[in-house]
C-alpha atoms as a PDB file:
ATOM      1  CA  MET A   1     -96.465 -43.083-170.792  1.00  0.00           C
ATOM      2  CA  ALA A   2     -97.968 -41.948-167.502  1.00  0.00           C
ATOM      3  CA  ALA A   3    -100.017 -45.149-167.244  1.00  0.00           C
ATOM      4  CA  ALA A   4     -96.896 -47.203-167.874  1.00  0.00           C
ATOM      5  CA  ARG A   5     -95.037 -45.359-165.130  1.00  0.00           C
ATOM      6  CA  GLU A   6     -97.933 -45.918-162.734  1.00  0.00           C
ATOM      7  CA  LEU A   7     -97.613 -49.650-163.379  1.00  0.00           C
ATOM      8  CA  GLY A   8     -93.889 -49.471-162.672  1.00  0.00           C
ATOM      9  CA  VAL A   9     -92.735 -50.027-166.248  1.00  0.00           C
ATOM     10  CA  THR A  10     -89.108 -48.962-166.512  1.00  0.00           C
ATOM     11  CA  SER A  11     -87.911 -50.930-169.536  1.00  0.00           C
ATOM     12  CA  VAL A  12     -89.135 -52.300-172.817  1.00  0.00           C
ATOM     13  CA  PRO A  13     -90.458 -54.679-173.714  1.00  0.00           C
ATOM     14  CA  THR A  14     -92.684 -55.088-170.679  1.00  0.00           C
ATOM     15  CA  PHE A  15     -95.713 -57.354-170.767  1.00  0.00           C
ATOM     16  CA  VAL A  16     -98.384 -56.486-168.191  1.00  0.00           C
ATOM     17  CA  LEU A  17    -100.660 -59.403-167.393  1.00  0.00           C
ATOM     18  CA  ALA A  18    -104.041 -59.013-165.696  1.00  0.00           C
ATOM     19  CA  GLY A  19    -103.208 -55.365-165.102  1.00  0.00           C
ATOM     20  CA  LYS A  20    -100.811 -56.102-162.241  1.00  0.00           C
ATOM     21  CA  TYR A  21     -98.168 -58.686-163.133  1.00  0.00           C
ATOM     22  CA  ALA A  22     -95.204 -57.678-165.278  1.00  0.00           C
ATOM     23  CA  VAL A  23     -92.717 -59.642-167.325  1.00  0.00           C
ATOM     24  CA  THR A  24     -89.843 -57.438-168.422  1.00  0.00           C
ATOM     25  CA  GLY A  25     -87.312 -57.827-171.162  1.00  0.00           C
ATOM     26  CA  ALA A  26     -87.231 -60.011-174.235  1.00  0.00           C
ATOM     27  CA  GLN A  27     -88.469 -63.450-173.179  1.00  0.00           C
ATOM     28  CA  ASP A  28     -88.806 -66.670-175.105  1.00  0.00           C
ATOM     29  CA  ALA A  29     -92.226 -68.154-175.781  1.00  0.00           C
ATOM     30  CA  GLN A  30     -91.904 -70.778-173.026  1.00  0.00           C
ATOM     31  CA  THR A  31     -91.207 -68.121-170.397  1.00  0.00           C
ATOM     32  CA  LEU A  32     -94.207 -66.056-171.466  1.00  0.00           C
ATOM     33  CA  LEU A  33     -96.446 -69.144-171.493  1.00  0.00           C
ATOM     34  CA  ALA A  34     -95.257 -70.035-167.991  1.00  0.00           C
ATOM     35  CA  ALA A  35     -95.977 -66.495-166.812  1.00  0.00           C
ATOM     36  CA  LEU A  36     -99.463 -66.620-168.323  1.00  0.00           C
ATOM     37  CA  ALA A  37    -100.141 -69.960-166.622  1.00  0.00           C
ATOM     38  CA  GLU A  38     -98.935 -68.583-163.281  1.00  0.00           C
ATOM     39  CA  VAL A  39    -101.144 -65.498-163.576  1.00  0.00           C
ATOM     40  CA  GLU A  40    -104.119 -67.654-164.558  1.00  0.00           C
ATOM     41  CA  GLN A  41    -103.566 -69.826-161.477  1.00  0.00           C
ATOM     42  CA  ARG A  42    -103.193 -66.834-159.151  1.00  0.00           C
ATOM     43  CA  GLU A  43    -106.213 -65.037-160.593  1.00  0.00           C
ATOM     44  CA  SER A  44    -108.373 -68.170-160.450  1.00  0.00           C
ATOM     45  CA  GLY A  45    -107.478 -68.622-156.794  1.00  0.00           C
ATOM     46  CA  ALA A  46    -108.144 -64.973-156.039  1.00  0.00           C
ATOM     47  CA  HIS A  47    -111.699 -65.169-157.344  1.00  0.00           C
ATOM     48  CA  SER A  48    -112.652 -68.451-155.662  1.00  0.00           C
ATOM     49  CA  HIS A  49    -112.525 -67.131-152.060  1.00  0.00           C
END
């Protein structure tokens, strides 16, 4: 629970992606896939500099 609080989790469900992006609440599959794609794009860009 302490780790969840440190990440700012205040509700369930909360999906934490790449250890720093959070999607909260019940989401449909398309929303979660879009979030994963966005995180992948951001993380790819972060490592290419």
